[in-house]
Amino acid sequence: MVKLSAGILMFRRRGGELEVFAVHPGGPFWAKKDDGAWSIPKGEYTPEEDALAAARREFTEETGFAAEGTFMPLQELRQPSGKVIKAWAVEGDCDAAQCHSNTFSMEWPPKSGKMKEFPEVDRAAWFPLETARTKLTKGQVGFLDQLAAKLNSD
């Protein structure tokens, strides 16, 4: 069964420049990774769930902020892993420095038998569109192209 994920691509305009909000995954595997490691706030959902409701829930769980506004659907993207991400763009603003997320537990160090808690997201930031192209995981860059196309057609 294909894993489904839903997310929110929040954007804002600052000084005539388009910026997007992205999050960096927490935990030891991502600690030293930067370019190509960031993501839109997103999370898994089941086919029975409303995808937009799941996206909004995941945004709040990963950032501590509520996403409000007019949600513009973007075309879903299949990731290299096979996971399918549905996303919506919404204009908004939040203080990335105030981001706080849920935590998860995992055995760390591996095979130590010790469980350790890590934040799902260890930081968030606003990036100009071109910078975001290098920061986001390769499989999500298409959302930036879709956002740019939607805003240029309005």
N, C-alpha and C. Protein backbone atom coordinates (compact mmCIF):
# COMPACT_ATOMS: atom_id res chain seq x y z
N MET A 1 0.84 -1.19 0.00
CA MET A 1 0.00 0.00 0.00
C MET A 1 0.89 1.25 0.00
N VAL A 2 0.54 2.21 -0.83
CA VAL A 2 1.30 3.44 -0.95
C VAL A 2 1.10 4.31 0.29
N LYS A 3 2.18 4.84 0.84
CA LYS A 3 2.08 5.77 1.96
C LYS A 3 1.63 7.12 1.45
N LEU A 4 0.70 7.73 2.17
CA LEU A 4 0.18 9.04 1.81
C LEU A 4 0.63 10.07 2.84
N SER A 5 0.99 11.24 2.35
CA SER A 5 1.40 12.32 3.23
C SER A 5 0.71 13.59 2.74
N ALA A 6 0.40 14.49 3.68
CA ALA A 6 -0.25 15.74 3.33
C ALA A 6 0.48 16.89 4.01
N GLY A 7 0.64 17.99 3.29
CA GLY A 7 1.40 19.10 3.85
C GLY A 7 0.93 20.46 3.39
N ILE A 8 1.49 21.46 4.05
CA ILE A 8 1.17 22.86 3.76
C ILE A 8 2.44 23.58 3.33
N LEU A 9 2.39 24.24 2.19
CA LEU A 9 3.47 25.11 1.74
C LEU A 9 3.03 26.55 2.02
N MET A 10 3.50 27.09 3.16
CA MET A 10 3.16 28.46 3.51
C MET A 10 4.12 29.40 2.80
N PHE A 11 3.58 30.51 2.30
CA PHE A 11 4.42 31.49 1.62
C PHE A 11 4.06 32.89 2.07
N ARG A 12 5.00 33.80 1.86
CA ARG A 12 4.76 35.21 2.15
C ARG A 12 5.57 36.04 1.15
N ARG A 13 5.23 37.31 1.10
CA ARG A 13 5.97 38.24 0.23
C ARG A 13 6.64 39.27 1.12
N ARG A 14 7.95 39.38 0.98
CA ARG A 14 8.74 40.32 1.78
C ARG A 14 9.56 41.17 0.83
N GLY A 15 9.31 42.47 0.85
CA GLY A 15 10.07 43.36 0.00
C GLY A 15 10.03 42.97 -1.46
N GLY A 16 8.88 42.51 -1.89
CA GLY A 16 8.71 42.12 -3.29
C GLY A 16 9.25 40.73 -3.61
N GLU A 17 9.81 40.04 -2.62
CA GLU A 17 10.37 38.70 -2.85
C GLU A 17 9.46 37.65 -2.22
N LEU A 18 9.28 36.56 -2.94
CA LEU A 18 8.49 35.44 -2.46
C LEU A 18 9.36 34.57 -1.56
N GLU A 19 8.84 34.26 -0.35
CA GLU A 19 9.54 33.38 0.58
C GLU A 19 8.62 32.22 0.96
N VAL A 20 9.21 31.07 1.24
CA VAL A 20 8.45 29.90 1.67
C VAL A 20 8.98 29.42 3.01
N PHE A 21 8.08 28.83 3.77
CA PHE A 21 8.37 28.33 5.11
C PHE A 21 8.71 26.85 5.01
N ALA A 22 9.83 26.46 5.61
CA ALA A 22 10.25 25.07 5.58
C ALA A 22 10.74 24.65 6.96
N VAL A 23 10.73 23.34 7.19
CA VAL A 23 11.17 22.79 8.47
C VAL A 23 12.29 21.79 8.24
N HIS A 24 13.15 21.67 9.26
CA HIS A 24 14.27 20.74 9.22
C HIS A 24 13.94 19.58 10.15
N PRO A 25 14.05 18.33 9.67
CA PRO A 25 13.70 17.20 10.51
C PRO A 25 14.64 17.04 11.70
N GLY A 26 14.06 16.69 12.83
CA GLY A 26 14.84 16.46 14.03
C GLY A 26 15.38 15.04 14.07
N GLY A 27 16.19 14.78 15.05
CA GLY A 27 16.76 13.45 15.23
C GLY A 27 18.19 13.37 14.73
N PRO A 28 18.87 12.33 15.14
CA PRO A 28 20.30 12.22 14.84
C PRO A 28 20.65 12.01 13.37
N PHE A 29 19.77 11.42 12.59
CA PHE A 29 20.09 11.17 11.18
C PHE A 29 20.18 12.45 10.36
N TRP A 30 19.46 13.49 10.79
CA TRP A 30 19.39 14.73 10.02
C TRP A 30 20.23 15.85 10.61
N ALA A 31 20.81 15.63 11.77
CA ALA A 31 21.48 16.70 12.52
C ALA A 31 22.52 17.47 11.71
N LYS A 32 23.29 16.80 10.88
CA LYS A 32 24.37 17.48 10.14
C LYS A 32 24.04 17.69 8.67
N LYS A 33 22.79 17.47 8.31
CA LYS A 33 22.38 17.65 6.91
C LYS A 33 21.65 18.98 6.78
N ASP A 34 21.88 19.68 5.67
CA ASP A 34 21.21 20.96 5.44
C ASP A 34 20.61 21.00 4.04
N ASP A 35 21.41 21.30 3.04
CA ASP A 35 20.87 21.35 1.67
C ASP A 35 20.26 20.00 1.31
N GLY A 36 19.04 20.05 0.79
CA GLY A 36 18.34 18.84 0.39
C GLY A 36 17.70 18.07 1.53
N ALA A 37 17.69 18.65 2.74
CA ALA A 37 17.14 17.94 3.89
C ALA A 37 15.85 18.57 4.41
N TRP A 38 15.56 19.80 4.06
CA TRP A 38 14.39 20.51 4.58
C TRP A 38 13.13 20.01 3.89
N SER A 39 11.98 20.36 4.48
CA SER A 39 10.70 19.86 3.99
C SER A 39 9.60 20.89 4.24
N ILE A 40 8.50 20.74 3.52
CA ILE A 40 7.31 21.46 3.93
C ILE A 40 6.78 20.72 5.15
N PRO A 41 6.10 21.39 6.08
CA PRO A 41 5.50 20.66 7.20
C PRO A 41 4.44 19.69 6.66
N LYS A 42 4.60 18.42 6.96
CA LYS A 42 3.71 17.40 6.40
C LYS A 42 3.73 16.16 7.28
N GLY A 43 2.80 15.27 7.01
CA GLY A 43 2.78 14.01 7.75
C GLY A 43 1.83 13.02 7.10
N GLU A 44 1.94 11.79 7.53
CA GLU A 44 1.14 10.72 6.95
C GLU A 44 -0.33 10.80 7.37
N TYR A 45 -1.18 10.29 6.51
CA TYR A 45 -2.61 10.18 6.79
C TYR A 45 -3.13 8.94 6.11
N THR A 46 -4.34 8.54 6.49
CA THR A 46 -4.96 7.35 5.90
C THR A 46 -5.91 7.78 4.79
N PRO A 47 -6.22 6.87 3.85
CA PRO A 47 -7.15 7.21 2.77
C PRO A 47 -8.53 7.64 3.26
N GLU A 48 -8.91 7.22 4.49
CA GLU A 48 -10.21 7.58 5.02
C GLU A 48 -10.24 9.01 5.54
N GLU A 49 -9.08 9.60 5.81
CA GLU A 49 -9.00 10.96 6.34
C GLU A 49 -9.12 12.00 5.24
N ASP A 50 -9.61 13.17 5.60
CA ASP A 50 -9.60 14.31 4.70
C ASP A 50 -8.16 14.81 4.62
N ALA A 51 -7.60 14.86 3.42
CA ALA A 51 -6.18 15.19 3.25
C ALA A 51 -5.86 16.61 3.71
N LEU A 52 -6.73 17.58 3.42
CA LEU A 52 -6.45 18.95 3.86
C LEU A 52 -6.50 19.06 5.38
N ALA A 53 -7.46 18.39 6.01
CA ALA A 53 -7.53 18.40 7.47
C ALA A 53 -6.25 17.78 8.05
N ALA A 54 -5.77 16.70 7.43
CA ALA A 54 -4.53 16.06 7.89
C ALA A 54 -3.35 17.01 7.70
N ALA A 55 -3.30 17.71 6.58
CA ALA A 55 -2.21 18.66 6.33
C ALA A 55 -2.19 19.76 7.37
N ARG A 56 -3.36 20.27 7.70
CA ARG A 56 -3.44 21.33 8.71
C ARG A 56 -3.03 20.81 10.08
N ARG A 57 -3.47 19.60 10.42
CA ARG A 57 -3.10 18.98 11.69
C ARG A 57 -1.58 18.81 11.77
N GLU A 58 -0.99 18.28 10.71
CA GLU A 58 0.45 18.04 10.70
C GLU A 58 1.23 19.35 10.78
N PHE A 59 0.74 20.39 10.12
CA PHE A 59 1.40 21.70 10.19
C PHE A 59 1.48 22.15 11.65
N THR A 60 0.37 22.04 12.35
CA THR A 60 0.33 22.45 13.75
C THR A 60 1.23 21.57 14.61
N GLU A 61 1.18 20.25 14.40
CA GLU A 61 2.00 19.34 15.20
C GLU A 61 3.49 19.59 14.99
N GLU A 62 3.88 19.93 13.76
CA GLU A 62 5.30 20.10 13.47
C GLU A 62 5.83 21.50 13.75
N THR A 63 4.93 22.48 13.85
CA THR A 63 5.41 23.86 14.01
C THR A 63 4.89 24.56 15.26
N GLY A 64 3.74 24.12 15.76
CA GLY A 64 3.09 24.81 16.86
C GLY A 64 2.21 25.95 16.38
N PHE A 65 2.11 26.16 15.08
CA PHE A 65 1.28 27.23 14.50
C PHE A 65 0.09 26.63 13.76
N ALA A 66 -0.99 27.39 13.69
CA ALA A 66 -2.15 26.99 12.89
C ALA A 66 -2.04 27.63 11.51
N ALA A 67 -2.30 26.87 10.49
CA ALA A 67 -2.33 27.40 9.12
C ALA A 67 -3.76 27.83 8.82
N GLU A 68 -3.93 29.10 8.50
CA GLU A 68 -5.25 29.66 8.21
C GLU A 68 -5.18 30.39 6.87
N GLY A 69 -6.30 30.51 6.20
CA GLY A 69 -6.34 31.28 4.97
C GLY A 69 -7.00 30.52 3.85
N THR A 70 -6.74 30.96 2.65
CA THR A 70 -7.28 30.32 1.45
C THR A 70 -6.26 29.31 0.96
N PHE A 71 -6.62 28.05 1.01
CA PHE A 71 -5.71 26.97 0.63
C PHE A 71 -5.82 26.68 -0.86
N MET A 72 -4.70 26.75 -1.54
CA MET A 72 -4.64 26.47 -2.97
C MET A 72 -4.08 25.07 -3.18
N PRO A 73 -4.86 24.16 -3.74
CA PRO A 73 -4.35 22.80 -3.93
C PRO A 73 -3.22 22.78 -4.96
N LEU A 74 -2.21 21.99 -4.68
CA LEU A 74 -1.11 21.76 -5.60
C LEU A 74 -1.21 20.31 -6.08
N GLN A 75 -0.63 20.02 -7.22
CA GLN A 75 -0.66 18.64 -7.72
C GLN A 75 0.20 17.77 -6.83
N GLU A 76 -0.31 16.57 -6.52
CA GLU A 76 0.45 15.67 -5.66
C GLU A 76 1.75 15.25 -6.35
N LEU A 77 2.74 14.95 -5.54
CA LEU A 77 4.04 14.52 -6.05
C LEU A 77 4.40 13.16 -5.45
N ARG A 78 4.84 12.27 -6.32
CA ARG A 78 5.33 10.97 -5.87
C ARG A 78 6.82 11.13 -5.54
N GLN A 79 7.19 10.68 -4.35
CA GLN A 79 8.56 10.80 -3.89
C GLN A 79 9.39 9.61 -4.38
N PRO A 80 10.72 9.75 -4.39
CA PRO A 80 11.56 8.62 -4.79
C PRO A 80 11.27 7.35 -3.98
N SER A 81 10.82 7.50 -2.73
CA SER A 81 10.48 6.35 -1.88
C SER A 81 9.17 5.68 -2.29
N GLY A 82 8.40 6.35 -3.15
CA GLY A 82 7.08 5.85 -3.54
C GLY A 82 5.95 6.55 -2.81
N LYS A 83 6.26 7.24 -1.70
CA LYS A 83 5.24 7.97 -0.95
C LYS A 83 4.65 9.06 -1.84
N VAL A 84 3.36 9.33 -1.68
CA VAL A 84 2.67 10.37 -2.42
C VAL A 84 2.34 11.51 -1.47
N ILE A 85 2.76 12.73 -1.82
CA ILE A 85 2.48 13.90 -0.99
C ILE A 85 1.45 14.78 -1.68
N LYS A 86 0.36 15.06 -0.97
CA LYS A 86 -0.61 16.06 -1.39
C LYS A 86 -0.28 17.32 -0.62
N ALA A 87 -0.33 18.47 -1.29
CA ALA A 87 0.02 19.71 -0.60
C ALA A 87 -0.89 20.84 -1.03
N TRP A 88 -0.98 21.82 -0.16
CA TRP A 88 -1.73 23.04 -0.40
C TRP A 88 -0.82 24.21 -0.09
N ALA A 89 -0.91 25.25 -0.89
CA ALA A 89 -0.18 26.48 -0.62
C ALA A 89 -1.14 27.43 0.08
N VAL A 90 -0.62 28.20 1.03
CA VAL A 90 -1.42 29.20 1.72
C VAL A 90 -0.52 30.37 2.07
N GLU A 91 -1.03 31.57 1.87
CA GLU A 91 -0.27 32.75 2.25
C GLU A 91 -0.44 32.95 3.74
N GLY A 92 0.67 33.18 4.42
CA GLY A 92 0.62 33.35 5.86
C GLY A 92 1.95 33.84 6.39
N ASP A 93 2.04 33.92 7.69
CA ASP A 93 3.28 34.36 8.31
C ASP A 93 3.34 33.76 9.71
N CYS A 94 4.51 33.42 10.13
CA CYS A 94 4.74 32.94 11.49
C CYS A 94 6.21 33.18 11.82
N ASP A 95 6.51 33.22 13.09
CA ASP A 95 7.87 33.46 13.55
C ASP A 95 8.60 32.13 13.62
N ALA A 96 9.47 31.88 12.65
CA ALA A 96 10.17 30.60 12.58
C ALA A 96 10.96 30.31 13.85
N ALA A 97 11.43 31.34 14.52
CA ALA A 97 12.20 31.14 15.76
C ALA A 97 11.34 30.57 16.89
N GLN A 98 10.01 30.72 16.78
CA GLN A 98 9.10 30.23 17.81
C GLN A 98 8.55 28.84 17.50
N CYS A 99 9.03 28.21 16.45
CA CYS A 99 8.57 26.89 16.04
C CYS A 99 8.88 25.86 17.12
N HIS A 100 7.90 25.03 17.43
CA HIS A 100 8.13 23.89 18.33
C HIS A 100 7.24 22.74 17.88
N SER A 101 7.78 21.53 17.96
CA SER A 101 7.06 20.38 17.41
C SER A 101 6.85 19.29 18.45
N ASN A 102 6.07 18.30 18.04
CA ASN A 102 5.93 17.07 18.81
C ASN A 102 7.28 16.37 18.84
N THR A 103 7.37 15.35 19.66
CA THR A 103 8.60 14.56 19.72
C THR A 103 8.32 13.12 19.32
N PHE A 104 9.38 12.39 19.06
CA PHE A 104 9.28 10.96 18.81
C PHE A 104 10.40 10.26 19.58
N SER A 105 10.22 8.99 19.85
CA SER A 105 11.22 8.20 20.57
C SER A 105 11.85 7.20 19.63
N MET A 106 13.15 7.00 19.82
CA MET A 106 13.85 5.95 19.07
C MET A 106 15.05 5.47 19.88
N GLU A 107 15.47 4.28 19.57
CA GLU A 107 16.65 3.74 20.23
C GLU A 107 17.87 4.51 19.74
N TRP A 108 18.59 5.11 20.69
CA TRP A 108 19.78 5.87 20.32
C TRP A 108 20.78 5.84 21.45
N PRO A 109 22.02 5.55 21.20
CA PRO A 109 22.59 5.09 19.94
C PRO A 109 22.02 3.73 19.52
N PRO A 110 22.16 3.40 18.24
CA PRO A 110 21.62 2.13 17.75
C PRO A 110 22.15 0.94 18.55
N LYS A 111 21.27 0.00 18.80
CA LYS A 111 21.56 -1.25 19.50
C LYS A 111 22.04 -1.04 20.93
N SER A 112 21.74 0.15 21.48
CA SER A 112 22.14 0.44 22.86
C SER A 112 21.08 0.02 23.87
N GLY A 113 19.85 -0.17 23.38
CA GLY A 113 18.75 -0.48 24.28
C GLY A 113 18.20 0.75 24.99
N LYS A 114 18.76 1.92 24.69
CA LYS A 114 18.32 3.17 25.33
C LYS A 114 17.40 3.93 24.38
N MET A 115 16.26 4.33 24.91
CA MET A 115 15.33 5.13 24.12
C MET A 115 15.58 6.60 24.40
N LYS A 116 15.54 7.41 23.35
CA LYS A 116 15.78 8.84 23.49
C LYS A 116 14.69 9.59 22.72
N GLU A 117 14.29 10.74 23.26
CA GLU A 117 13.27 11.58 22.61
C GLU A 117 13.95 12.62 21.73
N PHE A 118 13.36 12.87 20.56
CA PHE A 118 13.84 13.88 19.63
C PHE A 118 12.65 14.67 19.11
N PRO A 119 12.83 15.95 18.79
CA PRO A 119 11.73 16.70 18.17
C PRO A 119 11.53 16.23 16.73
N GLU A 120 10.28 16.21 16.27
CA GLU A 120 10.03 15.88 14.86
C GLU A 120 10.71 16.90 13.95
N VAL A 121 10.70 18.15 14.40
CA VAL A 121 11.30 19.26 13.66
C VAL A 121 12.24 19.97 14.63
N ASP A 122 13.50 20.18 14.21
CA ASP A 122 14.41 20.85 15.13
C ASP A 122 14.59 22.34 14.84
N ARG A 123 14.13 22.79 13.68
CA ARG A 123 14.14 24.21 13.37
C ARG A 123 13.30 24.49 12.14
N ALA A 124 12.97 25.76 11.98
CA ALA A 124 12.18 26.20 10.83
C ALA A 124 12.79 27.49 10.32
N ALA A 125 12.51 27.81 9.07
CA ALA A 125 13.05 29.04 8.49
C ALA A 125 12.23 29.45 7.28
N TRP A 126 12.32 30.73 6.98
CA TRP A 126 11.76 31.29 5.75
C TRP A 126 12.91 31.39 4.74
N PHE A 127 12.66 30.92 3.52
CA PHE A 127 13.68 30.97 2.48
C PHE A 127 13.13 31.66 1.24
N PRO A 128 13.94 32.52 0.59
CA PRO A 128 13.55 33.00 -0.73
C PRO A 128 13.37 31.77 -1.64
N LEU A 129 12.51 31.90 -2.62
CA LEU A 129 12.16 30.77 -3.48
C LEU A 129 13.39 30.06 -4.05
N GLU A 130 14.34 30.80 -4.56
CA GLU A 130 15.52 30.17 -5.17
C GLU A 130 16.36 29.43 -4.13
N THR A 131 16.50 29.96 -2.94
CA THR A 131 17.25 29.27 -1.88
C THR A 131 16.50 28.01 -1.47
N ALA A 132 15.18 28.09 -1.40
CA ALA A 132 14.36 26.93 -1.02
C ALA A 132 14.57 25.78 -2.00
N ARG A 133 14.85 26.07 -3.25
CA ARG A 133 15.09 25.00 -4.24
C ARG A 133 16.29 24.13 -3.84
N THR A 134 17.27 24.70 -3.15
CA THR A 134 18.43 23.91 -2.72
C THR A 134 18.21 23.30 -1.33
N LYS A 135 17.36 23.92 -0.52
CA LYS A 135 17.14 23.43 0.85
C LYS A 135 16.17 22.26 0.91
N LEU A 136 15.08 22.31 0.12
CA LEU A 136 14.07 21.25 0.18
C LEU A 136 14.59 19.93 -0.39
N THR A 137 14.00 18.83 0.09
CA THR A 137 14.32 17.53 -0.49
C THR A 137 13.95 17.57 -1.98
N LYS A 138 14.71 16.85 -2.76
CA LYS A 138 14.55 16.87 -4.21
C LYS A 138 13.10 16.59 -4.64
N GLY A 139 12.46 15.66 -3.95
CA GLY A 139 11.11 15.26 -4.32
C GLY A 139 10.04 16.30 -4.05
N GLN A 140 10.36 17.38 -3.31
CA GLN A 140 9.37 18.41 -3.00
C GLN A 140 9.58 19.71 -3.78
N VAL A 141 10.66 19.83 -4.51
CA VAL A 141 10.95 21.06 -5.25
C VAL A 141 9.83 21.37 -6.25
N GLY A 142 9.17 20.36 -6.76
CA GLY A 142 8.07 20.57 -7.69
C GLY A 142 6.95 21.42 -7.11
N PHE A 143 6.77 21.37 -5.79
CA PHE A 143 5.76 22.22 -5.16
C PHE A 143 6.12 23.70 -5.32
N LEU A 144 7.40 24.02 -5.29
CA LEU A 144 7.83 25.41 -5.47
C LEU A 144 7.52 25.89 -6.88
N ASP A 145 7.75 25.02 -7.86
CA ASP A 145 7.43 25.37 -9.25
C ASP A 145 5.93 25.61 -9.42
N GLN A 146 5.13 24.74 -8.80
CA GLN A 146 3.68 24.90 -8.88
C GLN A 146 3.21 26.19 -8.23
N LEU A 147 3.80 26.51 -7.07
CA LEU A 147 3.44 27.75 -6.38
C LEU A 147 3.77 28.95 -7.25
N ALA A 148 4.97 28.98 -7.79
CA ALA A 148 5.39 30.10 -8.64
C ALA A 148 4.46 30.25 -9.84
N ALA A 149 4.09 29.14 -10.46
CA ALA A 149 3.19 29.18 -11.62
C ALA A 149 1.81 29.71 -11.22
N LYS A 150 1.29 29.25 -10.07
CA LYS A 150 -0.04 29.71 -9.61
C LYS A 150 -0.02 31.22 -9.33
N LEU A 151 1.02 31.69 -8.66
CA LEU A 151 1.09 33.11 -8.31
C LEU A 151 1.31 33.98 -9.53
N ASN A 152 2.03 33.47 -10.52
CA ASN A 152 2.27 34.24 -11.75
C ASN A 152 1.03 34.29 -12.63
N SER A 153 0.12 33.32 -12.47
CA SER A 153 -1.09 33.32 -13.28
C SER A 153 -2.22 34.13 -12.67
N ASP A 154 -2.08 34.50 -11.40
CA ASP A 154 -3.12 35.28 -10.71
C ASP A 154 -3.04 36.76 -11.05
